[in-house]
Amino acid sequence: MFDSASRYYKLPNLLFITSGNKHITYKSRRFLPQPTKLTLLQQYVIIEGDRLDLIAAKHLGDPLASWQIADANNAMYPKTLTEKPGDKLQIAAPSWDD
């Protein structure tokens, strides 16, 4: 259902059965990890024109890993992480336990 690099990959599949006996498989809810429990890899200072996918590509080797940066910075709206040059981003290893 999801690529092995996805934040949803290790979540268990759940099953919902409708009143018409239709089976619908879905992923369980993902809770954001606590940033203080993540392994910090480095800090990055935002510069004008930064994009989260490009930061992830440069520092994590994968533009699709931008969710890891969002998790490490407790961001519900990842776009806001690159809006203010000079702000610092935490770049951390992913947490598969939370």
N, C-alpha and C. Protein backbone atom coordinates (compact mmCIF):
# COMPACT_ATOMS: atom_id res chain seq x y z
N MET A 1 0.82 -1.18 0.00
CA MET A 1 0.00 0.00 0.00
C MET A 1 0.87 1.26 0.00
N PHE A 2 1.96 1.27 0.79
CA PHE A 2 2.88 2.40 0.85
C PHE A 2 4.30 1.92 0.64
N ASP A 3 5.14 2.77 0.05
CA ASP A 3 6.55 2.49 -0.15
C ASP A 3 7.23 2.32 1.21
N SER A 4 8.28 1.52 1.27
CA SER A 4 8.94 1.24 2.54
C SER A 4 9.58 2.48 3.19
N ALA A 5 9.78 3.56 2.44
CA ALA A 5 10.32 4.79 3.01
C ALA A 5 9.23 5.71 3.56
N SER A 6 7.98 5.33 3.38
CA SER A 6 6.87 6.17 3.81
C SER A 6 6.70 6.15 5.32
N ARG A 7 6.25 7.26 5.87
CA ARG A 7 5.97 7.33 7.30
C ARG A 7 4.80 6.44 7.70
N TYR A 8 4.02 5.99 6.73
CA TYR A 8 2.85 5.15 7.00
C TYR A 8 3.12 3.66 6.80
N TYR A 9 4.29 3.31 6.29
CA TYR A 9 4.59 1.94 5.91
C TYR A 9 4.39 0.93 7.04
N LYS A 10 4.92 1.22 8.21
CA LYS A 10 4.88 0.25 9.32
C LYS A 10 3.60 0.30 10.15
N LEU A 11 2.68 1.21 9.81
CA LEU A 11 1.42 1.25 10.54
C LEU A 11 0.57 0.02 10.16
N PRO A 12 -0.11 -0.56 11.12
CA PRO A 12 -0.93 -1.73 10.81
C PRO A 12 -2.13 -1.38 9.93
N ASN A 13 -2.50 -2.32 9.09
CA ASN A 13 -3.73 -2.19 8.31
C ASN A 13 -4.90 -2.57 9.20
N LEU A 14 -5.99 -1.85 9.07
CA LEU A 14 -7.22 -2.15 9.79
C LEU A 14 -8.31 -2.44 8.78
N LEU A 15 -9.38 -3.04 9.24
CA LEU A 15 -10.47 -3.43 8.35
C LEU A 15 -11.78 -2.86 8.86
N PHE A 16 -12.52 -2.23 7.96
CA PHE A 16 -13.85 -1.73 8.26
C PHE A 16 -14.83 -2.48 7.37
N ILE A 17 -15.87 -3.02 7.94
CA ILE A 17 -16.89 -3.74 7.18
C ILE A 17 -18.18 -2.92 7.23
N THR A 18 -18.65 -2.51 6.06
CA THR A 18 -19.85 -1.68 5.99
C THR A 18 -21.09 -2.52 6.26
N SER A 19 -22.21 -1.84 6.42
CA SER A 19 -23.48 -2.55 6.65
C SER A 19 -23.85 -3.40 5.43
N GLY A 20 -23.32 -3.07 4.28
CA GLY A 20 -23.55 -3.86 3.06
C GLY A 20 -22.50 -4.94 2.86
N ASN A 21 -21.70 -5.21 3.89
CA ASN A 21 -20.67 -6.24 3.90
C ASN A 21 -19.50 -5.93 2.96
N LYS A 22 -19.29 -4.67 2.65
CA LYS A 22 -18.13 -4.28 1.86
C LYS A 22 -16.94 -4.13 2.79
N HIS A 23 -15.80 -4.72 2.43
CA HIS A 23 -14.60 -4.67 3.24
C HIS A 23 -13.71 -3.54 2.75
N ILE A 24 -13.35 -2.67 3.69
CA ILE A 24 -12.49 -1.53 3.37
C ILE A 24 -11.26 -1.59 4.26
N THR A 25 -10.09 -1.72 3.64
CA THR A 25 -8.83 -1.76 4.38
C THR A 25 -8.26 -0.35 4.45
N TYR A 26 -7.76 0.02 5.61
CA TYR A 26 -7.17 1.34 5.79
C TYR A 26 -6.03 1.25 6.80
N LYS A 27 -5.20 2.28 6.82
CA LYS A 27 -4.09 2.33 7.76
C LYS A 27 -4.56 2.93 9.09
N SER A 28 -3.97 2.46 10.18
CA SER A 28 -4.29 3.02 11.48
C SER A 28 -3.74 4.44 11.57
N ARG A 29 -4.17 5.16 12.56
CA ARG A 29 -3.76 6.55 12.74
C ARG A 29 -2.29 6.63 13.12
N ARG A 30 -1.61 7.63 12.57
CA ARG A 30 -0.22 7.88 12.92
C ARG A 30 -0.15 9.08 13.85
N PHE A 31 0.49 8.88 14.98
CA PHE A 31 0.70 9.97 15.92
C PHE A 31 2.10 10.54 15.71
N LEU A 32 2.22 11.85 15.79
CA LEU A 32 3.53 12.47 15.61
C LEU A 32 4.45 12.07 16.75
N PRO A 33 5.71 11.76 16.43
CA PRO A 33 6.66 11.44 17.50
C PRO A 33 7.03 12.70 18.26
N GLN A 34 7.49 12.53 19.47
CA GLN A 34 7.98 13.65 20.26
C GLN A 34 9.37 14.02 19.76
N PRO A 35 9.58 15.25 19.28
CA PRO A 35 10.88 15.63 18.74
C PRO A 35 12.05 15.39 19.70
N THR A 36 11.80 15.51 21.00
CA THR A 36 12.89 15.30 21.97
C THR A 36 13.33 13.85 22.05
N LYS A 37 12.53 12.94 21.54
CA LYS A 37 12.88 11.52 21.56
C LYS A 37 13.59 11.07 20.27
N LEU A 38 13.69 11.97 19.29
CA LEU A 38 14.33 11.64 18.03
C LEU A 38 15.84 11.83 18.13
N THR A 39 16.57 11.11 17.29
CA THR A 39 18.02 11.25 17.24
C THR A 39 18.39 12.40 16.31
N LEU A 40 18.90 13.49 16.89
CA LEU A 40 19.26 14.67 16.12
C LEU A 40 20.49 14.37 15.27
N LEU A 41 20.38 14.63 13.97
CA LEU A 41 21.50 14.44 13.06
C LEU A 41 22.26 15.74 12.86
N GLN A 42 21.52 16.85 12.74
CA GLN A 42 22.15 18.16 12.58
C GLN A 42 21.09 19.25 12.65
N GLN A 43 21.57 20.50 12.70
CA GLN A 43 20.70 21.66 12.59
C GLN A 43 21.00 22.32 11.25
N TYR A 44 19.98 22.95 10.68
CA TYR A 44 20.13 23.64 9.41
C TYR A 44 19.50 25.01 9.54
N VAL A 45 20.16 26.04 9.02
CA VAL A 45 19.65 27.41 9.06
C VAL A 45 18.99 27.72 7.72
N ILE A 46 17.73 28.14 7.78
CA ILE A 46 16.95 28.45 6.58
C ILE A 46 17.53 29.66 5.86
N ILE A 47 17.62 29.57 4.53
CA ILE A 47 18.00 30.71 3.70
C ILE A 47 16.85 31.00 2.74
N GLU A 48 16.84 32.19 2.20
CA GLU A 48 15.79 32.63 1.27
C GLU A 48 15.67 31.63 0.11
N GLY A 49 14.45 31.23 -0.19
CA GLY A 49 14.20 30.33 -1.31
C GLY A 49 14.29 28.85 -0.98
N ASP A 50 14.59 28.51 0.27
CA ASP A 50 14.67 27.09 0.65
C ASP A 50 13.33 26.39 0.47
N ARG A 51 13.41 25.12 0.12
CA ARG A 51 12.23 24.25 0.05
C ARG A 51 12.54 23.00 0.86
N LEU A 52 11.54 22.50 1.56
CA LEU A 52 11.74 21.35 2.44
C LEU A 52 12.19 20.11 1.68
N ASP A 53 11.65 19.89 0.48
CA ASP A 53 12.06 18.71 -0.28
C ASP A 53 13.52 18.79 -0.70
N LEU A 54 14.00 20.00 -1.02
CA LEU A 54 15.40 20.16 -1.41
C LEU A 54 16.34 20.01 -0.21
N ILE A 55 15.88 20.48 0.95
CA ILE A 55 16.67 20.30 2.18
C ILE A 55 16.76 18.81 2.51
N ALA A 56 15.65 18.11 2.39
CA ALA A 56 15.65 16.67 2.67
C ALA A 56 16.55 15.92 1.68
N ALA A 57 16.51 16.30 0.43
CA ALA A 57 17.35 15.65 -0.58
C ALA A 57 18.83 15.84 -0.24
N LYS A 58 19.19 17.07 0.14
CA LYS A 58 20.60 17.38 0.43
C LYS A 58 21.09 16.73 1.71
N HIS A 59 20.27 16.74 2.77
CA HIS A 59 20.75 16.30 4.08
C HIS A 59 20.33 14.88 4.46
N LEU A 60 19.28 14.37 3.81
CA LEU A 60 18.82 13.01 4.12
C LEU A 60 18.92 12.07 2.91
N GLY A 61 19.26 12.65 1.76
CA GLY A 61 19.45 11.82 0.57
C GLY A 61 18.18 11.46 -0.16
N ASP A 62 17.04 12.06 0.24
CA ASP A 62 15.77 11.71 -0.38
C ASP A 62 14.79 12.88 -0.23
N PRO A 63 14.32 13.45 -1.34
CA PRO A 63 13.38 14.56 -1.22
C PRO A 63 12.05 14.16 -0.59
N LEU A 64 11.72 12.89 -0.68
CA LEU A 64 10.47 12.41 -0.08
C LEU A 64 10.58 12.24 1.43
N ALA A 65 11.77 12.42 1.98
CA ALA A 65 11.98 12.30 3.43
C ALA A 65 11.72 13.62 4.15
N SER A 66 11.10 14.57 3.47
CA SER A 66 10.83 15.86 4.11
C SER A 66 9.94 15.70 5.34
N TRP A 67 9.15 14.63 5.39
CA TRP A 67 8.31 14.38 6.56
C TRP A 67 9.15 14.19 7.82
N GLN A 68 10.38 13.66 7.68
CA GLN A 68 11.25 13.48 8.83
C GLN A 68 11.62 14.83 9.44
N ILE A 69 11.85 15.83 8.59
CA ILE A 69 12.18 17.16 9.08
C ILE A 69 10.96 17.78 9.75
N ALA A 70 9.80 17.58 9.15
CA ALA A 70 8.56 18.09 9.76
C ALA A 70 8.35 17.46 11.14
N ASP A 71 8.54 16.15 11.24
CA ASP A 71 8.39 15.47 12.54
C ASP A 71 9.38 16.03 13.57
N ALA A 72 10.62 16.22 13.17
CA ALA A 72 11.66 16.68 14.10
C ALA A 72 11.40 18.10 14.60
N ASN A 73 10.59 18.84 13.86
CA ASN A 73 10.29 20.22 14.22
C ASN A 73 8.86 20.41 14.67
N ASN A 74 8.17 19.28 14.92
CA ASN A 74 6.80 19.28 15.42
C ASN A 74 5.89 20.17 14.57
N ALA A 75 6.01 20.05 13.25
CA ALA A 75 5.29 20.92 12.32
C ALA A 75 4.04 20.23 11.77
N MET A 76 2.91 20.84 12.03
CA MET A 76 1.67 20.36 11.43
C MET A 76 1.52 20.90 10.01
N TYR A 77 2.16 22.03 9.71
CA TYR A 77 2.12 22.66 8.39
C TYR A 77 3.56 22.82 7.92
N PRO A 78 4.12 21.80 7.25
CA PRO A 78 5.54 21.80 6.88
C PRO A 78 5.99 23.04 6.09
N LYS A 79 5.10 23.61 5.30
CA LYS A 79 5.49 24.77 4.50
C LYS A 79 6.00 25.92 5.37
N THR A 80 5.47 26.03 6.57
CA THR A 80 5.87 27.13 7.46
C THR A 80 7.33 27.01 7.92
N LEU A 81 7.92 25.84 7.80
CA LEU A 81 9.29 25.64 8.27
C LEU A 81 10.32 26.42 7.47
N THR A 82 10.00 26.77 6.23
CA THR A 82 10.99 27.45 5.38
C THR A 82 10.62 28.90 5.10
N GLU A 83 9.65 29.44 5.81
CA GLU A 83 9.17 30.80 5.54
C GLU A 83 10.09 31.90 6.07
N LYS A 84 10.85 31.62 7.10
CA LYS A 84 11.63 32.69 7.75
C LYS A 84 13.13 32.39 7.68
N PRO A 85 13.84 33.06 6.75
CA PRO A 85 15.30 32.89 6.72
C PRO A 85 15.91 33.19 8.09
N GLY A 86 16.88 32.38 8.45
CA GLY A 86 17.53 32.52 9.75
C GLY A 86 17.00 31.54 10.79
N ASP A 87 15.75 31.04 10.60
CA ASP A 87 15.23 30.03 11.52
C ASP A 87 16.06 28.75 11.42
N LYS A 88 16.14 28.02 12.50
CA LYS A 88 16.90 26.76 12.52
C LYS A 88 15.94 25.58 12.45
N LEU A 89 16.32 24.60 11.65
CA LEU A 89 15.56 23.35 11.55
C LEU A 89 16.36 22.23 12.20
N GLN A 90 15.67 21.38 12.91
CA GLN A 90 16.27 20.16 13.43
C GLN A 90 16.12 19.10 12.35
N ILE A 91 17.18 18.41 12.04
CA ILE A 91 17.12 17.30 11.09
C ILE A 91 17.46 16.05 11.89
N ALA A 92 16.51 15.12 11.95
CA ALA A 92 16.65 13.94 12.81
C ALA A 92 16.39 12.66 12.04
N ALA A 93 16.86 11.58 12.61
CA ALA A 93 16.58 10.25 12.06
C ALA A 93 15.10 9.95 12.27
N PRO A 94 14.51 9.15 11.39
CA PRO A 94 13.08 8.85 11.55
C PRO A 94 12.80 7.99 12.77
N SER A 95 11.60 8.11 13.29
CA SER A 95 11.16 7.28 14.39
C SER A 95 10.08 6.34 13.86
N TRP A 96 10.32 5.06 13.96
CA TRP A 96 9.33 4.09 13.48
C TRP A 96 8.52 3.53 14.64
N ASP A 97 8.85 3.97 15.87
CA ASP A 97 8.17 3.42 17.05
C ASP A 97 6.92 4.20 17.43
N ASP A 98 6.83 5.47 17.07
CA ASP A 98 5.70 6.31 17.47
C ASP A 98 4.60 6.25 16.46
